[in-house]
Amino acid sequence: MLAMGYLLSTKVSIRTLEDVERASFRVNPSYVHDLKDALDPIRRRLAQNSVAAAPAVEASKRLLRLWPWLSAIISGLLGAAALPPFNQTWLIWIALCAFVRDDFIVW
């Protein structure tokens, strides 16, 4: 690993066990991700899956946060459309369904 550049050493020439004991080693920062992936390949797959699913999860969280407001607005608009001058009385049933459904959802 030292010859390939994955590790950096404080000593240039390491030939004996005593040289190894005297030297200090650290991982080359440019190869950190490669070494982590080699040690734990599942971590990389999980990271790729979470990145791919992140926009969908964010959108669903945003929709769940806004749902009570959207439900109230839709219910109010449908209820207003049931009254004159629109006089579409059948819409009141849909407005009440949206309103009642919002009341029974546990957040």
N, C-alpha and C. Protein backbone atom coordinates (compact mmCIF):
# COMPACT_ATOMS: atom_id res chain seq x y z
N MET A 1 0.82 -1.19 0.00
CA MET A 1 0.00 0.00 0.00
C MET A 1 0.86 1.26 0.00
N LEU A 2 2.01 1.13 0.61
CA LEU A 2 2.94 2.25 0.64
C LEU A 2 3.49 2.54 -0.75
N ALA A 3 3.84 1.48 -1.47
CA ALA A 3 4.40 1.64 -2.82
C ALA A 3 3.37 2.17 -3.80
N MET A 4 2.08 1.85 -3.57
CA MET A 4 1.03 2.31 -4.48
C MET A 4 0.54 3.71 -4.14
N GLY A 5 0.96 4.27 -3.02
CA GLY A 5 0.59 5.63 -2.67
C GLY A 5 -0.61 5.75 -1.76
N TYR A 6 -1.16 4.63 -1.29
CA TYR A 6 -2.30 4.70 -0.40
C TYR A 6 -1.91 5.19 0.99
N LEU A 7 -0.69 4.91 1.41
CA LEU A 7 -0.20 5.35 2.71
C LEU A 7 0.95 6.33 2.54
N LEU A 8 1.04 7.27 3.44
CA LEU A 8 2.16 8.22 3.48
C LEU A 8 2.95 7.95 4.75
N SER A 9 4.26 8.08 4.66
CA SER A 9 5.15 7.78 5.77
C SER A 9 6.06 8.97 6.05
N THR A 10 6.51 9.04 7.31
CA THR A 10 7.45 10.10 7.66
C THR A 10 8.86 9.73 7.23
N LYS A 11 9.13 8.47 7.00
CA LYS A 11 10.44 8.03 6.52
C LYS A 11 10.35 7.69 5.04
N VAL A 12 11.38 8.05 4.32
CA VAL A 12 11.41 7.79 2.88
C VAL A 12 11.76 6.34 2.59
N SER A 13 12.75 5.85 3.28
CA SER A 13 13.25 4.51 3.03
C SER A 13 12.90 3.60 4.21
N ILE A 14 12.07 2.62 3.99
CA ILE A 14 11.69 1.67 5.04
C ILE A 14 12.13 0.29 4.57
N ARG A 15 13.16 -0.22 5.24
CA ARG A 15 13.72 -1.51 4.83
C ARG A 15 13.63 -2.57 5.93
N THR A 16 13.67 -2.16 7.18
CA THR A 16 13.67 -3.13 8.27
C THR A 16 12.46 -2.89 9.17
N LEU A 17 12.27 -3.82 10.10
CA LEU A 17 11.18 -3.70 11.06
C LEU A 17 11.40 -2.51 11.99
N GLU A 18 12.65 -2.19 12.28
CA GLU A 18 12.95 -1.02 13.12
C GLU A 18 12.54 0.27 12.42
N ASP A 19 12.71 0.32 11.10
CA ASP A 19 12.27 1.50 10.34
C ASP A 19 10.75 1.65 10.40
N VAL A 20 10.07 0.54 10.37
CA VAL A 20 8.60 0.57 10.47
C VAL A 20 8.18 1.07 11.84
N GLU A 21 8.86 0.63 12.89
CA GLU A 21 8.51 1.06 14.24
C GLU A 21 8.79 2.54 14.45
N ARG A 22 9.79 3.08 13.83
CA ARG A 22 10.16 4.50 13.99
C ARG A 22 9.29 5.44 13.14
N ALA A 23 8.80 4.93 12.08
CA ALA A 23 8.03 5.78 11.16
C ALA A 23 6.58 5.88 11.62
N SER A 24 5.94 6.96 11.23
CA SER A 24 4.50 7.08 11.45
C SER A 24 3.82 7.10 10.08
N PHE A 25 2.66 6.50 10.03
CA PHE A 25 1.94 6.34 8.77
C PHE A 25 0.59 7.02 8.87
N ARG A 26 0.12 7.48 7.71
CA ARG A 26 -1.23 8.01 7.62
C ARG A 26 -1.76 7.72 6.23
N VAL A 27 -3.07 7.71 6.12
CA VAL A 27 -3.72 7.42 4.84
C VAL A 27 -3.66 8.65 3.95
N ASN A 28 -3.34 8.43 2.69
CA ASN A 28 -3.31 9.51 1.72
C ASN A 28 -4.73 10.06 1.55
N PRO A 29 -4.95 11.35 1.77
CA PRO A 29 -6.31 11.90 1.72
C PRO A 29 -7.02 11.70 0.38
N SER A 30 -6.29 11.60 -0.70
CA SER A 30 -6.94 11.43 -2.00
C SER A 30 -7.49 10.02 -2.20
N TYR A 31 -7.08 9.07 -1.36
CA TYR A 31 -7.54 7.68 -1.49
C TYR A 31 -8.46 7.25 -0.35
N VAL A 32 -8.89 8.16 0.48
CA VAL A 32 -9.70 7.81 1.65
C VAL A 32 -11.00 7.13 1.22
N HIS A 33 -11.70 7.69 0.25
CA HIS A 33 -12.98 7.12 -0.17
C HIS A 33 -12.80 5.74 -0.80
N ASP A 34 -11.74 5.56 -1.57
CA ASP A 34 -11.48 4.25 -2.17
C ASP A 34 -11.25 3.20 -1.10
N LEU A 35 -10.49 3.53 -0.07
CA LEU A 35 -10.22 2.57 0.99
C LEU A 35 -11.47 2.27 1.81
N LYS A 36 -12.28 3.28 2.08
CA LYS A 36 -13.53 3.05 2.81
C LYS A 36 -14.46 2.15 2.02
N ASP A 37 -14.55 2.36 0.72
CA ASP A 37 -15.39 1.52 -0.12
C ASP A 37 -14.88 0.09 -0.19
N ALA A 38 -13.57 -0.08 -0.17
CA ALA A 38 -12.99 -1.43 -0.20
C ALA A 38 -13.28 -2.16 1.11
N LEU A 39 -13.28 -1.45 2.23
CA LEU A 39 -13.53 -2.08 3.52
C LEU A 39 -15.01 -2.34 3.76
N ASP A 40 -15.88 -1.47 3.26
CA ASP A 40 -17.32 -1.61 3.49
C ASP A 40 -18.08 -1.29 2.20
N PRO A 41 -18.21 -2.25 1.27
CA PRO A 41 -18.86 -1.96 -0.01
C PRO A 41 -20.36 -1.69 0.12
N ILE A 42 -21.00 -2.16 1.17
CA ILE A 42 -22.43 -1.92 1.34
C ILE A 42 -22.70 -0.44 1.60
N ARG A 43 -21.76 0.23 2.27
CA ARG A 43 -21.92 1.66 2.57
C ARG A 43 -22.09 2.47 1.30
N ARG A 44 -21.34 2.12 0.27
CA ARG A 44 -21.43 2.87 -0.99
C ARG A 44 -22.78 2.66 -1.65
N ARG A 45 -23.27 1.41 -1.63
CA ARG A 45 -24.58 1.14 -2.23
C ARG A 45 -25.69 1.87 -1.48
N LEU A 46 -25.60 1.89 -0.15
CA LEU A 46 -26.60 2.61 0.63
C LEU A 46 -26.55 4.11 0.35
N ALA A 47 -25.36 4.64 0.21
CA ALA A 47 -25.22 6.07 -0.09
C ALA A 47 -25.80 6.39 -1.46
N GLN A 48 -25.59 5.52 -2.44
CA GLN A 48 -26.13 5.77 -3.78
C GLN A 48 -27.65 5.68 -3.76
N ASN A 49 -28.21 4.72 -3.03
CA ASN A 49 -29.65 4.59 -2.96
C ASN A 49 -30.28 5.77 -2.24
N SER A 50 -29.65 6.25 -1.18
CA SER A 50 -30.22 7.38 -0.46
C SER A 50 -30.15 8.66 -1.28
N VAL A 51 -29.11 8.82 -2.07
CA VAL A 51 -29.00 10.00 -2.93
C VAL A 51 -30.05 9.95 -4.02
N ALA A 52 -30.29 8.77 -4.58
CA ALA A 52 -31.27 8.63 -5.66
C ALA A 52 -32.69 8.84 -5.14
N ALA A 53 -32.96 8.43 -3.91
CA ALA A 53 -34.30 8.55 -3.36
C ALA A 53 -34.53 9.87 -2.64
N ALA A 54 -33.52 10.67 -2.45
CA ALA A 54 -33.64 11.89 -1.67
C ALA A 54 -34.67 12.87 -2.23
N PRO A 55 -34.71 13.17 -3.53
CA PRO A 55 -35.73 14.11 -4.01
C PRO A 55 -37.16 13.62 -3.80
N ALA A 56 -37.39 12.32 -3.97
CA ALA A 56 -38.74 11.79 -3.78
C ALA A 56 -39.15 11.86 -2.32
N VAL A 57 -38.23 11.56 -1.42
CA VAL A 57 -38.52 11.62 0.01
C VAL A 57 -38.78 13.06 0.43
N GLU A 58 -37.98 13.98 -0.08
CA GLU A 58 -38.17 15.39 0.25
C GLU A 58 -39.52 15.90 -0.24
N ALA A 59 -39.91 15.50 -1.44
CA ALA A 59 -41.20 15.93 -1.98
C ALA A 59 -42.35 15.36 -1.16
N SER A 60 -42.25 14.11 -0.74
CA SER A 60 -43.34 13.52 0.05
C SER A 60 -43.41 14.17 1.43
N LYS A 61 -42.27 14.52 2.03
CA LYS A 61 -42.30 15.21 3.32
C LYS A 61 -42.93 16.59 3.18
N ARG A 62 -42.61 17.28 2.10
CA ARG A 62 -43.17 18.60 1.88
C ARG A 62 -44.69 18.51 1.68
N LEU A 63 -45.14 17.48 0.93
CA LEU A 63 -46.57 17.30 0.69
C LEU A 63 -47.29 16.96 1.99
N LEU A 64 -46.70 16.11 2.82
CA LEU A 64 -47.33 15.78 4.11
C LEU A 64 -47.41 16.99 5.03
N ARG A 65 -46.41 17.85 4.96
CA ARG A 65 -46.43 19.05 5.80
C ARG A 65 -47.49 20.04 5.32
N LEU A 66 -47.71 20.09 4.01
CA LEU A 66 -48.67 21.04 3.45
C LEU A 66 -50.08 20.47 3.33
N TRP A 67 -50.26 19.16 3.52
CA TRP A 67 -51.56 18.54 3.27
C TRP A 67 -52.70 19.16 4.09
N PRO A 68 -52.56 19.43 5.37
CA PRO A 68 -53.69 20.04 6.09
C PRO A 68 -54.13 21.37 5.48
N TRP A 69 -53.17 22.17 5.05
CA TRP A 69 -53.52 23.45 4.43
C TRP A 69 -54.17 23.25 3.07
N LEU A 70 -53.62 22.36 2.28
CA LEU A 70 -54.20 22.09 0.96
C LEU A 70 -55.61 21.52 1.08
N SER A 71 -55.80 20.63 2.03
CA SER A 71 -57.12 20.04 2.24
C SER A 71 -58.14 21.10 2.66
N ALA A 72 -57.74 21.99 3.54
CA ALA A 72 -58.65 23.05 3.98
C ALA A 72 -58.98 24.00 2.82
N ILE A 73 -57.99 24.32 2.01
CA ILE A 73 -58.23 25.22 0.87
C ILE A 73 -59.15 24.56 -0.14
N ILE A 74 -58.89 23.30 -0.48
CA ILE A 74 -59.73 22.58 -1.44
C ILE A 74 -61.15 22.45 -0.92
N SER A 75 -61.28 22.12 0.36
CA SER A 75 -62.60 21.98 0.95
C SER A 75 -63.35 23.31 0.92
N GLY A 76 -62.65 24.40 1.22
CA GLY A 76 -63.30 25.71 1.18
C GLY A 76 -63.72 26.13 -0.22
N LEU A 77 -62.85 25.87 -1.21
CA LEU A 77 -63.20 26.22 -2.59
C LEU A 77 -64.38 25.41 -3.10
N LEU A 78 -64.40 24.12 -2.79
CA LEU A 78 -65.53 23.29 -3.21
C LEU A 78 -66.81 23.69 -2.49
N GLY A 79 -66.69 24.04 -1.21
CA GLY A 79 -67.87 24.51 -0.48
C GLY A 79 -68.40 25.82 -1.04
N ALA A 80 -67.52 26.72 -1.44
CA ALA A 80 -67.95 27.98 -2.04
C ALA A 80 -68.60 27.75 -3.40
N ALA A 81 -68.08 26.75 -4.13
CA ALA A 81 -68.67 26.46 -5.44
C ALA A 81 -70.06 25.84 -5.32
N ALA A 82 -70.38 25.29 -4.15
CA ALA A 82 -71.70 24.70 -3.95
C ALA A 82 -72.77 25.76 -3.71
N LEU A 83 -72.36 26.96 -3.33
CA LEU A 83 -73.31 28.03 -3.04
C LEU A 83 -73.54 28.90 -4.27
N PRO A 84 -74.63 29.74 -4.26
CA PRO A 84 -74.82 30.65 -5.39
C PRO A 84 -73.65 31.61 -5.51
N PRO A 85 -73.24 32.08 -6.63
CA PRO A 85 -73.84 32.04 -7.95
C PRO A 85 -73.51 30.78 -8.74
N PHE A 86 -72.59 29.94 -8.25
CA PHE A 86 -72.24 28.74 -9.01
C PHE A 86 -73.32 27.67 -8.89
N ASN A 87 -73.89 27.54 -7.69
CA ASN A 87 -75.04 26.68 -7.44
C ASN A 87 -74.79 25.23 -7.87
N GLN A 88 -73.61 24.72 -7.57
CA GLN A 88 -73.28 23.31 -7.83
C GLN A 88 -73.36 22.56 -6.50
N THR A 89 -74.57 22.25 -6.07
CA THR A 89 -74.79 21.70 -4.73
C THR A 89 -74.13 20.34 -4.51
N TRP A 90 -73.91 19.59 -5.54
CA TRP A 90 -73.30 18.27 -5.40
C TRP A 90 -71.85 18.36 -4.93
N LEU A 91 -71.20 19.51 -5.13
CA LEU A 91 -69.80 19.67 -4.72
C LEU A 91 -69.62 19.71 -3.20
N ILE A 92 -70.71 19.99 -2.46
CA ILE A 92 -70.59 20.07 -1.01
C ILE A 92 -70.21 18.72 -0.42
N TRP A 93 -70.65 17.62 -1.04
CA TRP A 93 -70.31 16.29 -0.54
C TRP A 93 -68.81 16.01 -0.69
N ILE A 94 -68.24 16.43 -1.78
CA ILE A 94 -66.80 16.26 -1.98
C ILE A 94 -66.03 17.15 -1.01
N ALA A 95 -66.51 18.36 -0.79
CA ALA A 95 -65.87 19.29 0.14
C ALA A 95 -65.88 18.72 1.55
N LEU A 96 -67.00 18.12 1.96
CA LEU A 96 -67.07 17.54 3.29
C LEU A 96 -66.18 16.31 3.42
N CYS A 97 -66.07 15.53 2.35
CA CYS A 97 -65.18 14.35 2.40
C CYS A 97 -63.73 14.77 2.60
N ALA A 98 -63.29 15.78 1.89
CA ALA A 98 -61.91 16.26 2.05
C ALA A 98 -61.70 16.82 3.45
N PHE A 99 -62.70 17.52 3.98
CA PHE A 99 -62.58 18.11 5.31
C PHE A 99 -62.56 17.03 6.40
N VAL A 100 -63.46 16.04 6.30
CA VAL A 100 -63.53 14.97 7.30
C VAL A 100 -62.28 14.10 7.23
N ARG A 101 -61.79 13.81 6.05
CA ARG A 101 -60.58 12.99 5.91
C ARG A 101 -59.41 13.67 6.58
N ASP A 102 -59.31 14.97 6.45
CA ASP A 102 -58.21 15.70 7.08
C ASP A 102 -58.29 15.63 8.60
N ASP A 103 -59.50 15.60 9.16
CA ASP A 103 -59.66 15.55 10.61
C ASP A 103 -59.26 14.20 11.19
N PHE A 104 -59.40 13.13 10.42
CA PHE A 104 -59.12 11.80 10.96
C PHE A 104 -57.70 11.33 10.72
N ILE A 105 -56.88 12.05 9.95
CA ILE A 105 -55.51 11.66 9.74
C ILE A 105 -54.69 12.06 10.96
N VAL A 106 -53.93 11.11 11.50
CA VAL A 106 -53.10 11.38 12.67
C VAL A 106 -51.73 11.84 12.18
N TRP A 107 -51.35 13.03 12.57
CA TRP A 107 -50.05 13.58 12.12
C TRP A 107 -49.06 13.33 13.17
